[in-house]
Amino acid sequence: MTNKARILFVDDNQAARDLFVQSINTESFEPSVASSVVEAERAIAGQMPDVVITDLRMPEIDGLEGMKRFHRIAPDVPIIVITAFGTVETAVESMKLGAFDYLRKPFKPSEIELVIMRALKHRHLLQENTRLRSEVTRQFSEGSIIASSKSMRAAMDLARRAASSEFPVLISGESGTGKDVLARHIHYSGKRSSKSFVAINCSAIPENLLESELFGHEKGAFSGAEKTQQGFFVKADKGTLFLDEIGDMSINLQPKLLRVLQDGSFYPVGGRTLVRTDARLICATNQNINKLLESGQFRQDLFYRINTIKIALPPLRERQEDIVLLAEHFLARLRESGHTVAERFSSEAIAMLKSYRWPGNVRELEHAVERITLSCDCSTVSVVHLPTEISGLNSSEHVRIAPGITTEAPVHSYREAREDFERSYFHQVLAAANDNMNQAANLAGLHRSSLYEKLIRLKIRVGAK
């Protein structure tokens, strides 16, 4: 397999083709040639090149028509146009048709190689951008959001409607319920998905800086404004601007946001020129907006504008059907990335996950699963692997000291501490199972053979008291 970049050179002149092959650096490039557009089409169909270089002046089918054909069969391959009869008009026309660059004959080998390298870098960036967009779209697709409970299915139904519209959206819910994930899902499921998704947390930025971050500023607008800066509304143009924790936005800044929603225009800080934006707005809050309205901390006219589509995300404690599905989803993701060998939760662990109140909601559950994988090196997560706040066990119950081991025993290394923990745990399991190996394996969530191996390694004899 070669790592050389494949370069297809298209020219009806035999001498030009020979010169290209002779002068190109074959250590970095794998050159091939075609004498016509038709021959080049066959070559592209046989093996996709990384860059196409084509002459403009050719009989029958010229280079401009060839560019159109090449783009149809190889849309992401950059095309470099060359000609001995270059004019401004032909250069402009070729660039309009999507040429990466335009060169006039004669050219030096170093000159063409430099353009080829730039074209390859450009193609790599385009491919990486496409890959990242595909990954983000997959990550925030509907299938990536767990919605088995009735309340969450209702929220997802509203999200689908929001994705197909252009109206402002207000997402409410406790911290950790996934408001930012849903906002991204709405964006990447809609017709603005190919444009920017820009997020800003209104509670994380001081009031005196938030206006500048949102609307930008002119040079010298305030102390420290050494150059003109675009705001997030401009950066999100044609895309989506997500204002998280909008309930924390200053009452003094709210009229400026209202104007943007009314006519899509604003003045940057210190600016005198009106700027227009076509950013779709999604807002989120973990506060009771009605109380903010009653206290005068939030403008009613702004609320009516952002509340066109309202989606309330339920807390995790009200999504009993989703808790286990989410935990299994997070566990599978960690397993796929090589961070754990755990494959499932024991029935006892599942019961405890479902009985816990989850004050931190989905975010807390995700972090809990990450913590679980640090203490679990077997295929099944059992109660003993759960964080103490979830299992309800205190530290002495979690790591019950086995016969002959005292709490004063020094721990000299992590390995020794882990062995002490495992030895204590398996003494406890064997005692609970009355030394029945099948029952002990079930309690520990291990295969019988795996349990035997661990007992041998830890020098634990079944039946020893």
Protein backbone atom coordinates (compact mmCIF):
# COMPACT_ATOMS: atom_id res chain seq x y z
CA MET A 1 0.00 0.00 0.00
CA THR A 2 1.37 3.44 -0.97
CA ASN A 3 1.10 6.67 0.99
CA LYS A 4 1.93 8.73 -2.06
CA ALA A 5 -0.64 11.26 -3.26
CA ARG A 6 -2.14 10.30 -6.63
CA ILE A 7 -1.94 13.19 -9.12
CA LEU A 8 -3.82 12.98 -12.44
CA PHE A 9 -2.45 15.30 -15.17
CA VAL A 10 -4.78 15.99 -18.12
CA ASP A 11 -3.31 17.57 -21.28
CA ASP A 12 -3.64 16.76 -24.98
CA ASN A 13 0.03 17.65 -25.52
CA GLN A 14 2.30 14.58 -25.29
CA ALA A 15 5.38 16.68 -24.52
CA ALA A 16 3.59 18.40 -21.62
CA ARG A 17 2.51 15.05 -20.19
CA ASP A 18 6.03 13.61 -20.46
CA LEU A 19 7.55 16.71 -18.87
CA PHE A 20 5.13 16.50 -15.94
CA VAL A 21 5.93 12.84 -15.24
CA GLN A 22 9.68 13.47 -15.51
CA SER A 23 9.69 16.54 -13.27
CA ILE A 24 7.28 15.51 -10.51
CA ASN A 25 8.75 14.25 -7.24
CA THR A 26 7.88 10.54 -7.35
CA GLU A 27 8.94 10.06 -3.73
CA SER A 28 5.93 12.11 -2.64
CA PHE A 29 3.57 11.77 -5.60
CA GLU A 30 2.24 9.03 -7.84
CA PRO A 31 1.65 10.68 -11.23
CA SER A 32 -0.72 9.47 -13.94
CA VAL A 33 -1.71 11.16 -17.19
CA ALA A 34 -4.65 11.44 -19.57
CA SER A 35 -4.73 12.95 -23.05
CA SER A 36 -8.39 14.00 -22.97
CA VAL A 37 -11.33 14.65 -20.65
CA VAL A 38 -12.92 11.33 -21.64
CA GLU A 39 -9.72 9.43 -20.86
CA ALA A 40 -9.47 11.30 -17.54
CA GLU A 41 -13.04 10.31 -16.65
CA ARG A 42 -12.14 6.65 -17.20
CA ALA A 43 -9.01 7.06 -15.07
CA ILE A 44 -10.96 8.67 -12.22
CA ALA A 45 -13.56 5.91 -12.33
CA GLY A 46 -10.78 3.31 -12.11
CA GLN A 47 -8.83 4.90 -9.27
CA MET A 48 -9.77 8.10 -7.47
CA PRO A 49 -6.94 10.67 -7.60
CA ASP A 50 -6.10 13.05 -4.77
CA VAL A 51 -5.60 16.01 -7.10
CA VAL A 52 -6.48 16.65 -10.77
CA ILE A 53 -4.41 19.04 -12.89
CA THR A 54 -6.03 19.91 -16.21
CA ASP A 55 -5.19 22.05 -19.21
CA LEU A 56 -7.93 24.41 -20.39
CA ARG A 57 -7.29 24.39 -24.15
CA MET A 58 -8.02 20.90 -25.47
CA PRO A 59 -9.85 19.69 -28.61
CA GLU A 60 -13.38 18.25 -28.47
CA ILE A 61 -13.96 18.82 -24.73
CA ASP A 62 -12.10 21.72 -23.11
CA GLY A 63 -10.88 21.98 -19.54
CA LEU A 64 -13.83 24.05 -18.28
CA GLU A 65 -16.33 21.42 -19.39
CA GLY A 66 -13.95 18.79 -18.04
CA MET A 67 -14.03 20.46 -14.62
CA LYS A 68 -17.82 20.14 -14.50
CA ARG A 69 -17.58 16.44 -15.34
CA PHE A 70 -14.77 15.80 -12.86
CA HIS A 71 -16.73 17.48 -10.06
CA ARG A 72 -19.72 15.25 -10.76
CA ILE A 73 -17.76 12.03 -10.29
CA ALA A 74 -15.18 13.30 -7.76
CA PRO A 75 -16.75 16.26 -5.92
CA ASP A 76 -14.14 16.49 -3.15
CA VAL A 77 -11.04 16.24 -5.37
CA PRO A 78 -9.35 19.65 -5.85
CA ILE A 79 -8.70 20.70 -9.45
CA ILE A 80 -5.76 22.83 -10.55
CA VAL A 81 -6.15 24.55 -13.92
CA ILE A 82 -3.17 25.30 -16.21
CA THR A 83 -2.96 26.92 -19.62
CA ALA A 84 -0.57 28.71 -21.94
CA PHE A 85 -3.37 31.02 -23.06
CA GLY A 86 -4.43 32.38 -19.69
CA THR A 87 -6.65 35.42 -19.46
CA VAL A 88 -8.38 37.07 -16.54
CA GLU A 89 -11.72 35.89 -17.91
CA THR A 90 -10.73 32.22 -18.10
CA ALA A 91 -9.17 32.38 -14.64
CA VAL A 92 -12.36 33.86 -13.18
CA GLU A 93 -14.51 31.31 -15.01
CA SER A 94 -12.44 28.38 -13.79
CA MET A 95 -12.53 29.62 -10.19
CA LYS A 96 -16.31 30.04 -10.44
CA LEU A 97 -16.53 26.40 -11.50
CA GLY A 98 -14.63 25.38 -8.38
CA ALA A 99 -10.98 25.27 -9.44
CA PHE A 100 -8.66 25.21 -6.45
CA ASP A 101 -5.98 27.26 -8.23
CA TYR A 102 -4.95 28.54 -11.65
CA LEU A 103 -1.43 28.48 -13.17
CA ARG A 104 0.02 29.69 -16.45
CA LYS A 105 2.49 27.73 -18.55
CA PRO A 106 5.41 27.42 -18.39
CA PHE A 107 5.73 26.63 -14.70
CA LYS A 108 8.58 25.29 -12.61
CA PRO A 109 8.31 21.85 -10.97
CA SER A 110 8.71 23.48 -7.55
CA GLU A 111 5.85 25.85 -8.36
CA ILE A 112 3.38 23.12 -9.31
CA GLU A 113 4.44 20.95 -6.37
CA LEU A 114 3.78 23.82 -3.97
CA VAL A 115 0.26 24.24 -5.36
CA ILE A 116 -0.30 20.47 -5.18
CA MET A 117 0.69 20.44 -1.50
CA ARG A 118 -1.72 23.28 -0.78
CA ALA A 119 -4.48 21.44 -2.63
CA LEU A 120 -3.82 18.25 -0.66
CA LYS A 121 -3.93 20.15 2.62
CA HIS A 122 -7.19 21.79 1.54
CA ARG A 123 -8.70 18.42 0.68
CA HIS A 124 -7.61 16.95 4.01
CA LEU A 125 -9.26 19.82 5.88
CA LEU A 126 -12.48 19.36 3.91
CA GLN A 127 -12.50 15.62 4.61
CA GLU A 128 -11.83 16.20 8.31
CA ASN A 129 -14.59 18.80 8.43
CA THR A 130 -17.01 16.38 6.77
CA ARG A 131 -16.00 13.63 9.20
CA LEU A 132 -16.47 15.86 12.22
CA ARG A 133 -19.85 17.08 11.01
CA SER A 134 -20.92 13.50 10.38
CA GLU A 135 -19.76 12.49 13.86
CA VAL A 136 -21.54 15.43 15.49
CA THR A 137 -24.72 14.71 13.52
CA ARG A 138 -24.57 11.07 14.61
CA GLN A 139 -23.83 12.03 18.20
CA PHE A 140 -26.82 14.34 18.41
CA SER A 141 -29.21 12.34 16.22
CA GLU A 142 -32.53 11.23 17.69
CA GLY A 143 -31.25 7.70 18.20
CA SER A 144 -28.52 8.99 20.52
CA ILE A 145 -31.04 10.46 22.98
CA ILE A 146 -32.61 7.94 25.35
CA ALA A 147 -36.35 8.58 25.42
CA SER A 148 -38.32 5.58 26.63
CA SER A 149 -40.36 7.33 29.33
CA LYS A 150 -43.61 9.02 28.38
CA SER A 151 -42.45 12.47 29.50
CA MET A 152 -39.22 12.24 27.51
CA ARG A 153 -41.02 10.97 24.40
CA ALA A 154 -43.28 14.02 24.61
CA ALA A 155 -40.22 16.28 24.82
CA MET A 156 -38.65 14.58 21.80
CA ASP A 157 -41.87 15.01 19.83
CA LEU A 158 -41.68 18.76 20.46
CA ALA A 159 -37.98 18.71 19.53
CA ARG A 160 -38.83 17.13 16.16
CA ARG A 161 -41.31 19.92 15.47
CA ALA A 162 -38.77 22.51 16.57
CA ALA A 163 -36.14 21.06 14.21
CA SER A 164 -38.45 21.46 11.23
CA SER A 165 -39.23 25.10 12.06
CA GLU A 166 -37.32 28.35 12.42
CA PHE A 167 -39.08 29.62 15.55
CA PRO A 168 -37.22 30.40 18.80
CA VAL A 169 -37.14 27.56 21.33
CA LEU A 170 -37.09 27.70 25.14
CA ILE A 171 -35.87 24.55 26.90
CA SER A 172 -36.48 24.34 30.64
CA GLY A 173 -35.26 21.78 33.12
CA GLU A 174 -33.08 21.19 36.15
CA SER A 175 -29.30 21.28 35.84
CA GLY A 176 -27.97 18.12 34.26
CA THR A 177 -31.15 17.13 32.41
CA GLY A 178 -29.51 17.53 29.00
CA LYS A 179 -30.76 20.90 27.78
CA ASP A 180 -27.56 21.52 25.80
CA VAL A 181 -27.73 18.06 24.22
CA LEU A 182 -31.33 18.66 23.12
CA ALA A 183 -30.43 22.09 21.72
CA ARG A 184 -27.68 20.53 19.59
CA HIS A 185 -30.05 17.77 18.51
CA ILE A 186 -32.58 20.36 17.29
CA HIS A 187 -29.85 22.19 15.35
CA TYR A 188 -28.30 19.10 13.74
CA SER A 189 -31.72 17.69 12.83
CA GLY A 190 -32.81 20.85 11.02
CA LYS A 191 -31.95 22.58 7.77
CA ARG A 192 -29.27 24.71 9.47
CA SER A 193 -27.23 21.63 10.38
CA SER A 194 -24.43 22.45 7.94
CA LYS A 195 -23.92 25.85 9.58
CA SER A 196 -22.47 26.82 12.94
CA PHE A 197 -23.91 25.91 16.33
CA VAL A 198 -22.64 28.53 18.78
CA ALA A 199 -23.27 28.11 22.52
CA ILE A 200 -22.83 30.63 25.31
CA ASN A 201 -23.64 30.33 29.01
CA CYS A 202 -25.15 33.61 30.19
CA SER A 203 -24.43 32.84 33.84
CA ALA A 204 -20.74 32.18 33.23
CA ILE A 205 -19.89 35.60 31.75
CA PRO A 206 -19.94 38.86 33.73
CA GLU A 207 -22.69 41.29 32.75
CA ASN A 208 -20.25 43.91 31.45
CA LEU A 209 -18.69 41.37 29.05
CA LEU A 210 -21.78 39.47 27.91
CA GLU A 211 -22.97 42.28 25.64
CA SER A 212 -19.62 42.36 23.86
CA GLU A 213 -19.57 38.56 23.53
CA LEU A 214 -23.06 38.49 22.02
CA PHE A 215 -22.97 41.55 19.77
CA GLY A 216 -19.28 42.24 19.28
CA HIS A 217 -17.50 45.56 19.73
CA GLU A 218 -15.59 48.20 17.82
CA LYS A 219 -11.97 49.05 18.50
CA GLY A 220 -11.73 51.46 21.43
CA ALA A 221 -15.32 50.83 22.55
CA PHE A 222 -14.10 50.27 26.10
CA SER A 223 -10.89 49.82 28.05
CA GLY A 224 -9.04 46.83 26.63
CA ALA A 225 -10.90 46.80 23.28
CA GLU A 226 -7.74 46.97 21.19
CA LYS A 227 -9.36 45.66 18.02
CA THR A 228 -12.79 45.15 16.47
CA GLN A 229 -14.35 41.82 17.42
CA GLN A 230 -17.33 39.96 16.01
CA GLY A 231 -19.96 38.74 18.44
CA PHE A 232 -21.67 35.37 18.68
CA PHE A 233 -24.71 36.59 16.74
CA VAL A 234 -22.48 37.17 13.71
CA LYS A 235 -20.60 33.90 14.22
CA ALA A 236 -23.94 32.06 14.34
CA ASP A 237 -25.30 33.74 11.19
CA LYS A 238 -27.31 31.21 9.12
CA GLY A 239 -26.83 28.76 12.01
CA THR A 240 -28.02 28.51 15.61
CA LEU A 241 -27.16 30.52 18.72
CA PHE A 242 -27.78 28.66 21.98
CA LEU A 243 -28.18 30.91 25.03
CA ASP A 244 -27.88 28.67 28.07
CA GLU A 245 -29.17 29.95 31.44
CA ILE A 246 -30.91 32.92 29.83
CA GLY A 247 -32.68 33.56 33.13
CA ASP A 248 -29.39 34.99 34.40
CA MET A 249 -29.20 37.63 31.66
CA SER A 250 -29.20 41.19 32.99
CA ILE A 251 -32.48 43.09 32.64
CA ASN A 252 -30.42 45.90 31.05
CA LEU A 253 -29.24 43.65 28.22
CA GLN A 254 -32.60 42.06 27.47
CA PRO A 255 -33.97 44.94 25.27
CA LYS A 256 -31.04 44.52 22.86
CA LEU A 257 -31.75 40.80 22.57
CA LEU A 258 -35.42 41.59 22.01
CA ARG A 259 -34.55 43.83 19.07
CA VAL A 260 -32.55 41.06 17.41
CA LEU A 261 -35.55 38.76 17.72
CA GLN A 262 -37.84 41.42 16.28
CA ASP A 263 -35.91 42.50 13.20
CA GLY A 264 -32.60 40.60 13.18
CA SER A 265 -30.43 43.68 13.67
CA PHE A 266 -28.22 45.22 16.35
CA TYR A 267 -25.38 47.67 16.96
CA PRO A 268 -22.05 46.29 18.20
CA VAL A 269 -20.76 47.86 21.40
CA GLY A 270 -19.37 51.26 20.41
CA GLY A 271 -20.58 50.82 16.83
CA ARG A 272 -22.72 53.11 14.68
CA THR A 273 -23.35 50.73 11.79
CA LEU A 274 -26.34 48.43 12.04
CA VAL A 275 -25.42 44.75 11.73
CA ARG A 276 -27.89 42.13 10.54
CA THR A 277 -27.95 38.46 11.49
CA ASP A 278 -29.96 35.39 10.55
CA ALA A 279 -29.22 33.27 13.61
CA ARG A 280 -31.86 30.88 14.91
CA LEU A 281 -32.21 31.27 18.69
CA ILE A 282 -32.53 28.43 21.21
CA CYS A 283 -32.59 29.37 24.89
CA ALA A 284 -32.46 27.28 28.05
CA THR A 285 -32.98 27.86 31.75
CA ASN A 286 -33.00 25.89 34.99
CA GLN A 287 -34.96 28.63 36.75
CA ASN A 288 -38.68 29.23 37.21
CA ILE A 289 -39.27 31.84 34.51
CA ASN A 290 -42.71 32.73 35.92
CA LYS A 291 -41.10 33.81 39.20
CA LEU A 292 -38.56 35.89 37.27
CA LEU A 293 -41.42 37.56 35.39
CA GLU A 294 -43.30 38.30 38.61
CA SER A 295 -40.22 39.81 40.25
CA GLY A 296 -39.43 41.95 37.20
CA GLN A 297 -36.10 40.23 36.57
CA PHE A 298 -37.18 39.09 33.11
CA ARG A 299 -39.08 41.10 30.49
CA GLN A 300 -42.47 39.76 29.49
CA ASP A 301 -42.11 40.87 25.86
CA LEU A 302 -38.80 39.00 25.58
CA PHE A 303 -40.32 35.93 27.22
CA TYR A 304 -43.15 35.88 24.68
CA ARG A 305 -40.58 36.00 21.87
CA ILE A 306 -38.35 33.17 23.09
CA ASN A 307 -41.23 31.00 24.34
CA THR A 308 -42.66 30.25 20.88
CA ILE A 309 -41.77 26.56 21.27
CA LYS A 310 -41.38 25.46 24.89
CA ILE A 311 -39.84 22.11 25.78
CA ALA A 312 -39.73 20.99 29.42
CA LEU A 313 -37.16 18.30 30.17
CA PRO A 314 -38.18 16.08 33.10
CA PRO A 315 -35.72 15.34 35.93
CA LEU A 316 -34.16 11.89 35.83
CA ARG A 317 -36.04 10.76 38.95
CA GLU A 318 -39.25 11.06 36.90
CA ARG A 319 -37.79 8.98 34.06
CA GLN A 320 -37.59 5.59 35.76
CA GLU A 321 -37.72 3.72 32.45
CA ASP A 322 -34.71 5.66 31.15
CA ILE A 323 -32.32 5.30 34.09
CA VAL A 324 -31.09 1.80 33.27
CA LEU A 325 -31.05 2.50 29.52
CA LEU A 326 -28.90 5.58 30.10
CA ALA A 327 -26.55 3.74 32.46
CA GLU A 328 -26.12 0.93 29.93
CA HIS A 329 -25.56 3.49 27.17
CA PHE A 330 -22.79 5.22 29.14
CA LEU A 331 -21.25 1.87 30.08
CA ALA A 332 -21.25 0.70 26.45
CA ARG A 333 -19.62 3.93 25.34
CA LEU A 334 -16.84 3.52 27.91
CA ARG A 335 -16.37 -0.11 26.89
CA GLU A 336 -16.10 0.82 23.21
CA SER A 337 -13.41 3.37 24.05
CA GLY A 338 -11.45 0.76 26.01
CA HIS A 339 -11.99 2.28 29.46
CA THR A 340 -13.74 -0.74 31.00
CA VAL A 341 -14.44 -4.45 30.54
CA ALA A 342 -17.81 -4.22 32.29
CA GLU A 343 -20.73 -5.27 30.09
CA ARG A 344 -23.80 -5.16 32.32
CA PHE A 345 -25.28 -4.26 35.70
CA SER A 346 -26.46 -6.87 38.20
CA SER A 347 -30.15 -6.87 39.11
CA GLU A 348 -29.28 -5.58 42.60
CA ALA A 349 -27.23 -2.72 41.13
CA ILE A 350 -30.08 -1.86 38.75
CA ALA A 351 -32.52 -1.70 41.65
CA MET A 352 -30.26 0.75 43.49
CA LEU A 353 -29.75 2.89 40.39
CA LYS A 354 -33.52 3.17 40.00
CA SER A 355 -34.15 3.94 43.68
CA TYR A 356 -31.59 6.75 43.85
CA ARG A 357 -33.00 10.30 43.48
CA TRP A 358 -30.32 11.61 41.07
CA PRO A 359 -30.26 15.28 42.12
CA GLY A 360 -27.67 15.94 39.40
CA ASN A 361 -29.83 14.17 36.80
CA VAL A 362 -28.31 12.67 33.62
CA ARG A 363 -24.97 14.40 34.14
CA GLU A 364 -24.64 12.83 37.60
CA LEU A 365 -25.53 9.40 36.21
CA GLU A 366 -22.90 9.71 33.48
CA HIS A 367 -20.22 10.67 36.00
CA ALA A 368 -21.34 7.87 38.34
CA VAL A 369 -20.87 5.28 35.59
CA GLU A 370 -17.40 6.69 34.91
CA ARG A 371 -16.54 6.31 38.61
CA ILE A 372 -17.97 2.78 38.65
CA THR A 373 -15.61 1.65 35.91
CA LEU A 374 -12.61 2.65 38.03
CA SER A 375 -13.46 0.03 40.66
CA CYS A 376 -14.96 -2.68 38.41
CA ASP A 377 -12.65 -5.02 36.50
CA CYS A 378 -15.22 -7.72 35.81
CA SER A 379 -18.02 -8.13 33.28
CA THR A 380 -20.88 -7.32 35.68
CA VAL A 381 -21.23 -4.20 37.80
CA SER A 382 -22.53 -5.21 41.23
CA VAL A 383 -23.68 -3.22 44.26
CA VAL A 384 -20.20 -3.08 45.72
CA HIS A 385 -18.98 -1.14 42.67
CA LEU A 386 -21.58 1.62 43.05
CA PRO A 387 -20.64 4.94 44.68
CA THR A 388 -21.61 4.98 48.36
CA GLU A 389 -24.19 7.74 47.90
CA ILE A 390 -26.06 5.44 45.50
CA SER A 391 -25.64 2.09 47.24
CA GLY A 392 -26.41 3.51 50.67
CA LEU A 393 -23.56 1.49 52.16
CA ASN A 394 -21.06 3.18 54.40
CA SER A 395 -17.35 2.66 53.87
CA SER A 396 -17.15 -0.22 56.37
CA GLU A 397 -19.99 -2.01 54.60
CA HIS A 398 -18.49 -1.34 51.21
CA VAL A 399 -15.11 -2.77 52.18
CA ARG A 400 -15.83 -5.10 55.03
CA ILE A 401 -12.59 -6.17 56.68
CA ALA A 402 -11.92 -9.88 56.31
CA PRO A 403 -10.73 -12.08 59.15
CA GLY A 404 -7.17 -11.26 60.13
CA ILE A 405 -7.19 -7.78 58.53
CA THR A 406 -7.54 -4.67 60.67
CA THR A 407 -8.31 -1.09 59.69
CA GLU A 408 -4.95 -0.12 61.13
CA ALA A 409 -3.09 -2.29 58.61
CA PRO A 410 -0.85 -0.02 56.51
CA VAL A 411 -1.47 0.28 52.76
CA HIS A 412 1.79 0.73 50.90
CA SER A 413 0.53 0.83 47.30
CA TYR A 414 -2.60 0.93 45.18
CA ARG A 415 -2.07 -2.71 44.19
CA GLU A 416 -1.96 -3.82 47.80
CA ALA A 417 -5.00 -1.70 48.67
CA ARG A 418 -6.93 -3.21 45.77
CA GLU A 419 -5.97 -6.74 46.78
CA ASP A 420 -7.12 -6.01 50.34
CA PHE A 421 -10.41 -4.75 48.96
CA GLU A 422 -10.89 -7.80 46.71
CA ARG A 423 -9.92 -10.22 49.46
CA SER A 424 -12.41 -8.58 51.85
CA TYR A 425 -15.11 -8.50 49.20
CA PHE A 426 -14.79 -12.18 48.22
CA HIS A 427 -14.74 -13.27 51.86
CA GLN A 428 -18.05 -11.41 52.19
CA VAL A 429 -19.47 -12.97 49.01
CA LEU A 430 -18.49 -16.50 50.06
CA ALA A 431 -20.00 -15.98 53.50
CA ALA A 432 -23.27 -14.73 51.96
CA ALA A 433 -23.33 -17.77 49.63
CA ASN A 434 -22.42 -20.26 52.40
CA ASP A 435 -19.37 -21.22 50.32
CA ASN A 436 -21.56 -22.31 47.40
CA MET A 437 -19.44 -21.47 44.36
CA ASN A 438 -22.32 -21.21 41.89
CA GLN A 439 -24.23 -18.87 44.16
CA ALA A 440 -21.10 -16.84 44.95
CA ALA A 441 -20.37 -16.43 41.23
CA ASN A 442 -23.92 -15.18 40.66
CA LEU A 443 -23.67 -12.71 43.55
CA ALA A 444 -20.38 -11.33 42.23
CA GLY A 445 -21.58 -11.25 38.62
CA LEU A 446 -18.71 -13.49 37.51
CA HIS A 447 -18.36 -16.75 35.65
CA ARG A 448 -17.55 -19.64 37.99
CA SER A 449 -14.13 -20.10 36.34
CA SER A 450 -13.32 -16.38 36.77
CA LEU A 451 -14.26 -16.57 40.43
CA TYR A 452 -11.95 -19.58 40.92
CA GLU A 453 -9.08 -17.69 39.28
CA LYS A 454 -9.57 -14.69 41.56
CA LEU A 455 -9.77 -16.85 44.69
CA ILE A 456 -6.54 -18.64 43.73
CA ARG A 457 -4.79 -15.33 43.02
CA LEU A 458 -5.94 -13.92 46.35
CA LYS A 459 -5.07 -17.19 48.15
CA ILE A 460 -8.59 -17.57 49.54
CA ARG A 461 -9.59 -21.13 50.41
CA VAL A 462 -13.29 -21.93 50.22
CA GLY A 463 -14.53 -23.01 53.63
CA ALA A 464 -11.63 -21.43 55.48
CA LYS A 465 -12.81 -19.49 58.53
